């Protein structure tokens, strides 16, 4: 079944993709581009899993020192002692 693109901007993007991908046709370029998008999404780690990893790293750092004086620390770091 042939692919007919009615939107001129989509047609221009397809032509750019064809040149970048060195595809023989715009249809082939569109197929390759769509396959890449689908594959990237399938390989992507789910947000819940990424957040769980971040939470685990944060928790492994230990508890916050309640006596830590952040202002004094920053003043010393910037030389405002």
N, C-alpha and C. Protein backbone atom coordinates (compact mmCIF):
# COMPACT_ATOMS: atom_id res chain seq x y z
N UNK A 1 0.84 -1.17 0.00
CA UNK A 1 0.00 0.00 0.00
C UNK A 1 0.89 1.24 0.00
N UNK A 2 0.69 2.16 -0.93
CA UNK A 2 1.53 3.36 -0.99
C UNK A 2 1.20 4.32 0.15
N UNK A 3 2.19 5.10 0.50
CA UNK A 3 2.03 6.11 1.54
C UNK A 3 1.89 7.46 0.86
N UNK A 4 0.81 8.15 1.14
CA UNK A 4 0.60 9.46 0.56
C UNK A 4 0.58 10.49 1.69
N UNK A 5 1.48 11.47 1.62
CA UNK A 5 1.59 12.50 2.65
C UNK A 5 0.98 13.78 2.10
N UNK A 6 -0.04 14.26 2.78
CA UNK A 6 -0.73 15.47 2.33
C UNK A 6 -0.18 16.73 2.98
N UNK A 7 0.46 16.60 4.11
CA UNK A 7 1.00 17.75 4.85
C UNK A 7 2.39 18.07 4.31
N UNK A 8 2.60 19.30 3.85
CA UNK A 8 3.87 19.67 3.22
C UNK A 8 5.03 19.63 4.21
N UNK A 9 4.79 20.03 5.45
CA UNK A 9 5.86 19.98 6.45
C UNK A 9 6.28 18.54 6.71
N UNK A 10 5.32 17.64 6.80
CA UNK A 10 5.63 16.22 7.00
C UNK A 10 6.38 15.69 5.78
N UNK A 11 5.99 16.11 4.62
CA UNK A 11 6.68 15.70 3.39
C UNK A 11 8.13 16.18 3.41
N UNK A 12 8.37 17.42 3.83
CA UNK A 12 9.73 17.95 3.91
C UNK A 12 10.56 17.19 4.95
N UNK A 13 9.94 16.91 6.10
CA UNK A 13 10.65 16.14 7.13
C UNK A 13 10.99 14.74 6.62
N UNK A 14 10.08 14.14 5.90
CA UNK A 14 10.34 12.81 5.35
C UNK A 14 11.50 12.86 4.37
N UNK A 15 11.56 13.90 3.57
CA UNK A 15 12.66 14.05 2.61
C UNK A 15 13.98 14.26 3.34
N UNK A 16 13.97 15.08 4.40
CA UNK A 16 15.19 15.27 5.20
C UNK A 16 15.62 13.94 5.82
N UNK A 17 14.68 13.20 6.37
CA UNK A 17 14.98 11.90 6.97
C UNK A 17 15.55 10.95 5.93
N UNK A 18 15.00 10.98 4.72
CA UNK A 18 15.48 10.11 3.64
C UNK A 18 16.95 10.40 3.35
N UNK A 19 17.30 11.68 3.31
CA UNK A 19 18.69 12.05 3.04
C UNK A 19 19.61 11.65 4.20
N UNK A 20 19.17 11.93 5.43
CA UNK A 20 19.99 11.61 6.60
C UNK A 20 20.22 10.10 6.72
N UNK A 21 19.15 9.35 6.51
CA UNK A 21 19.22 7.89 6.67
C UNK A 21 19.73 7.19 5.40
N UNK A 22 19.91 7.98 4.34
CA UNK A 22 20.32 7.43 3.05
C UNK A 22 19.37 6.32 2.61
N UNK A 23 18.10 6.57 2.82
CA UNK A 23 17.06 5.60 2.45
C UNK A 23 16.70 5.80 0.98
N UNK A 24 16.34 4.73 0.32
CA UNK A 24 16.01 4.85 -1.11
C UNK A 24 14.72 5.63 -1.36
N UNK A 25 13.79 5.58 -0.42
CA UNK A 25 12.52 6.29 -0.59
C UNK A 25 12.13 6.97 0.72
N UNK A 26 11.20 7.92 0.60
CA UNK A 26 10.69 8.58 1.81
C UNK A 26 9.93 7.57 2.67
N UNK A 27 9.22 6.66 2.05
CA UNK A 27 8.50 5.64 2.80
C UNK A 27 9.45 4.81 3.64
N UNK A 28 10.58 4.44 3.07
CA UNK A 28 11.57 3.66 3.81
C UNK A 28 12.16 4.49 4.95
N UNK A 29 12.38 5.77 4.70
CA UNK A 29 12.91 6.65 5.74
C UNK A 29 11.92 6.78 6.90
N UNK A 30 10.65 6.92 6.57
CA UNK A 30 9.62 7.01 7.60
C UNK A 30 9.56 5.71 8.40
N UNK A 31 9.64 4.57 7.72
CA UNK A 31 9.63 3.28 8.39
C UNK A 31 10.80 3.18 9.36
N UNK A 32 12.00 3.54 8.89
CA UNK A 32 13.19 3.47 9.75
C UNK A 32 13.05 4.40 10.96
N UNK A 33 12.56 5.61 10.73
CA UNK A 33 12.42 6.57 11.81
C UNK A 33 11.40 6.07 12.84
N UNK A 34 10.28 5.54 12.36
CA UNK A 34 9.27 5.03 13.28
C UNK A 34 9.77 3.81 14.05
N UNK A 35 10.53 2.95 13.39
CA UNK A 35 11.10 1.79 14.07
C UNK A 35 12.05 2.24 15.19
N UNK A 36 12.84 3.28 14.90
CA UNK A 36 13.76 3.79 15.93
C UNK A 36 13.00 4.32 17.13
N UNK A 37 11.95 5.07 16.89
CA UNK A 37 11.15 5.64 17.98
C UNK A 37 10.55 4.52 18.82
N UNK A 38 9.98 3.53 18.17
CA UNK A 38 9.36 2.42 18.89
C UNK A 38 10.41 1.63 19.68
N UNK A 39 11.55 1.35 19.07
CA UNK A 39 12.61 0.61 19.76
C UNK A 39 13.14 1.38 20.95
N UNK A 40 13.35 2.68 20.80
CA UNK A 40 13.83 3.51 21.92
C UNK A 40 12.84 3.46 23.08
N UNK A 41 11.57 3.56 22.77
CA UNK A 41 10.55 3.55 23.82
C UNK A 41 10.49 2.19 24.51
N UNK A 42 10.64 1.13 23.74
CA UNK A 42 10.61 -0.21 24.33
C UNK A 42 11.82 -0.47 25.23
N UNK A 43 12.97 0.14 24.90
CA UNK A 43 14.18 -0.05 25.68
C UNK A 43 14.25 0.87 26.90
N UNK A 44 13.42 1.87 26.93
CA UNK A 44 13.45 2.87 28.00
C UNK A 44 13.01 2.25 29.33
N UNK A 45 13.78 2.57 30.37
CA UNK A 45 13.45 2.08 31.71
C UNK A 45 12.23 2.86 32.21
N UNK A 46 11.23 2.17 32.73
CA UNK A 46 10.02 2.87 33.20
C UNK A 46 10.35 3.89 34.29
N UNK A 47 9.57 4.96 34.32
CA UNK A 47 9.78 6.05 35.26
C UNK A 47 9.78 5.55 36.70
N UNK A 48 8.86 4.68 37.06
CA UNK A 48 8.79 4.17 38.43
C UNK A 48 10.09 3.48 38.82
N UNK A 49 10.67 2.74 37.89
CA UNK A 49 11.93 2.04 38.17
C UNK A 49 13.09 3.03 38.31
N UNK A 50 13.12 4.05 37.45
CA UNK A 50 14.17 5.07 37.55
C UNK A 50 14.08 5.82 38.87
N UNK A 51 12.84 6.16 39.27
CA UNK A 51 12.65 6.86 40.54
C UNK A 51 13.04 5.98 41.73
N UNK A 52 12.74 4.69 41.64
CA UNK A 52 13.11 3.76 42.72
C UNK A 52 14.62 3.71 42.88
N UNK A 53 15.35 3.72 41.76
CA UNK A 53 16.82 3.72 41.82
C UNK A 53 17.35 4.99 42.48
N UNK A 54 16.76 6.13 42.11
CA UNK A 54 17.18 7.41 42.70
C UNK A 54 16.90 7.41 44.20
N UNK A 55 15.71 6.93 44.57
CA UNK A 55 15.34 6.88 45.98
C UNK A 55 16.31 5.98 46.76
N UNK A 56 16.67 4.86 46.16
CA UNK A 56 17.60 3.93 46.81
C UNK A 56 18.97 4.60 47.01
N UNK A 57 19.46 5.30 46.00
CA UNK A 57 20.74 6.01 46.13
C UNK A 57 20.67 7.07 47.21
N UNK A 58 19.57 7.80 47.24
CA UNK A 58 19.39 8.86 48.25
C UNK A 58 19.39 8.26 49.65
N UNK A 59 18.66 7.17 49.82
CA UNK A 59 18.58 6.54 51.14
C UNK A 59 19.91 5.92 51.57
N UNK A 60 20.72 5.51 50.61
CA UNK A 60 22.00 4.91 50.96
C UNK A 60 23.02 5.95 51.43
N UNK A 61 22.72 7.22 51.25
CA UNK A 61 23.63 8.28 51.68
C UNK A 61 23.60 8.49 53.19
N UNK A 62 22.62 7.94 53.84
CA UNK A 62 22.53 8.09 55.29
C UNK A 62 21.61 9.22 55.67
N UNK A 63 21.50 9.44 56.98
CA UNK A 63 20.58 10.46 57.47
C UNK A 63 21.26 11.84 57.47
N UNK A 64 20.42 12.85 57.49
CA UNK A 64 20.88 14.24 57.48
C UNK A 64 21.32 14.62 58.90
N UNK A 65 22.44 15.32 59.01
CA UNK A 65 22.93 15.80 60.30
C UNK A 65 22.10 17.00 60.73
N UNK A 66 21.32 16.88 61.80
CA UNK A 66 20.47 18.00 62.21
C UNK A 66 21.27 19.20 62.72
N UNK A 67 22.54 19.01 63.05
CA UNK A 67 23.37 20.10 63.56
C UNK A 67 24.18 20.80 62.46
N UNK A 68 24.01 20.39 61.22
CA UNK A 68 24.77 20.98 60.11
C UNK A 68 24.27 22.39 59.84
N UNK A 69 25.19 23.35 59.83
CA UNK A 69 24.86 24.75 59.58
C UNK A 69 25.16 25.06 58.11
N UNK A 70 24.13 24.99 57.30
CA UNK A 70 24.30 25.18 55.86
C UNK A 70 24.78 26.59 55.54
N UNK A 71 24.28 27.60 56.23
CA UNK A 71 24.70 28.97 55.96
C UNK A 71 26.19 29.15 56.23
N UNK A 72 26.66 28.64 57.35
CA UNK A 72 28.08 28.74 57.67
C UNK A 72 28.92 28.00 56.64
N UNK A 73 28.44 26.85 56.21
CA UNK A 73 29.15 26.07 55.20
C UNK A 73 29.27 26.86 53.90
N UNK A 74 28.14 27.43 53.45
CA UNK A 74 28.16 28.20 52.19
C UNK A 74 29.00 29.46 52.32
N UNK A 75 28.90 30.14 53.47
CA UNK A 75 29.72 31.34 53.67
C UNK A 75 31.20 31.00 53.58
N UNK A 76 31.60 29.89 54.21
CA UNK A 76 33.00 29.47 54.17
C UNK A 76 33.41 29.08 52.74
N UNK A 77 32.52 28.41 52.05
CA UNK A 77 32.82 27.98 50.68
C UNK A 77 33.05 29.19 49.76
N UNK A 78 32.28 30.26 49.95
CA UNK A 78 32.39 31.43 49.11
C UNK A 78 33.38 32.46 49.67
N UNK A 79 33.99 32.14 50.80
CA UNK A 79 34.98 33.06 51.35
C UNK A 79 34.38 34.24 52.09
N UNK A 80 33.14 34.13 52.53
CA UNK A 80 32.45 35.21 53.23
C UNK A 80 32.54 35.02 54.76
N UNK A 81 33.66 34.58 55.23
CA UNK A 81 33.80 34.28 56.66
C UNK A 81 34.07 35.53 57.44
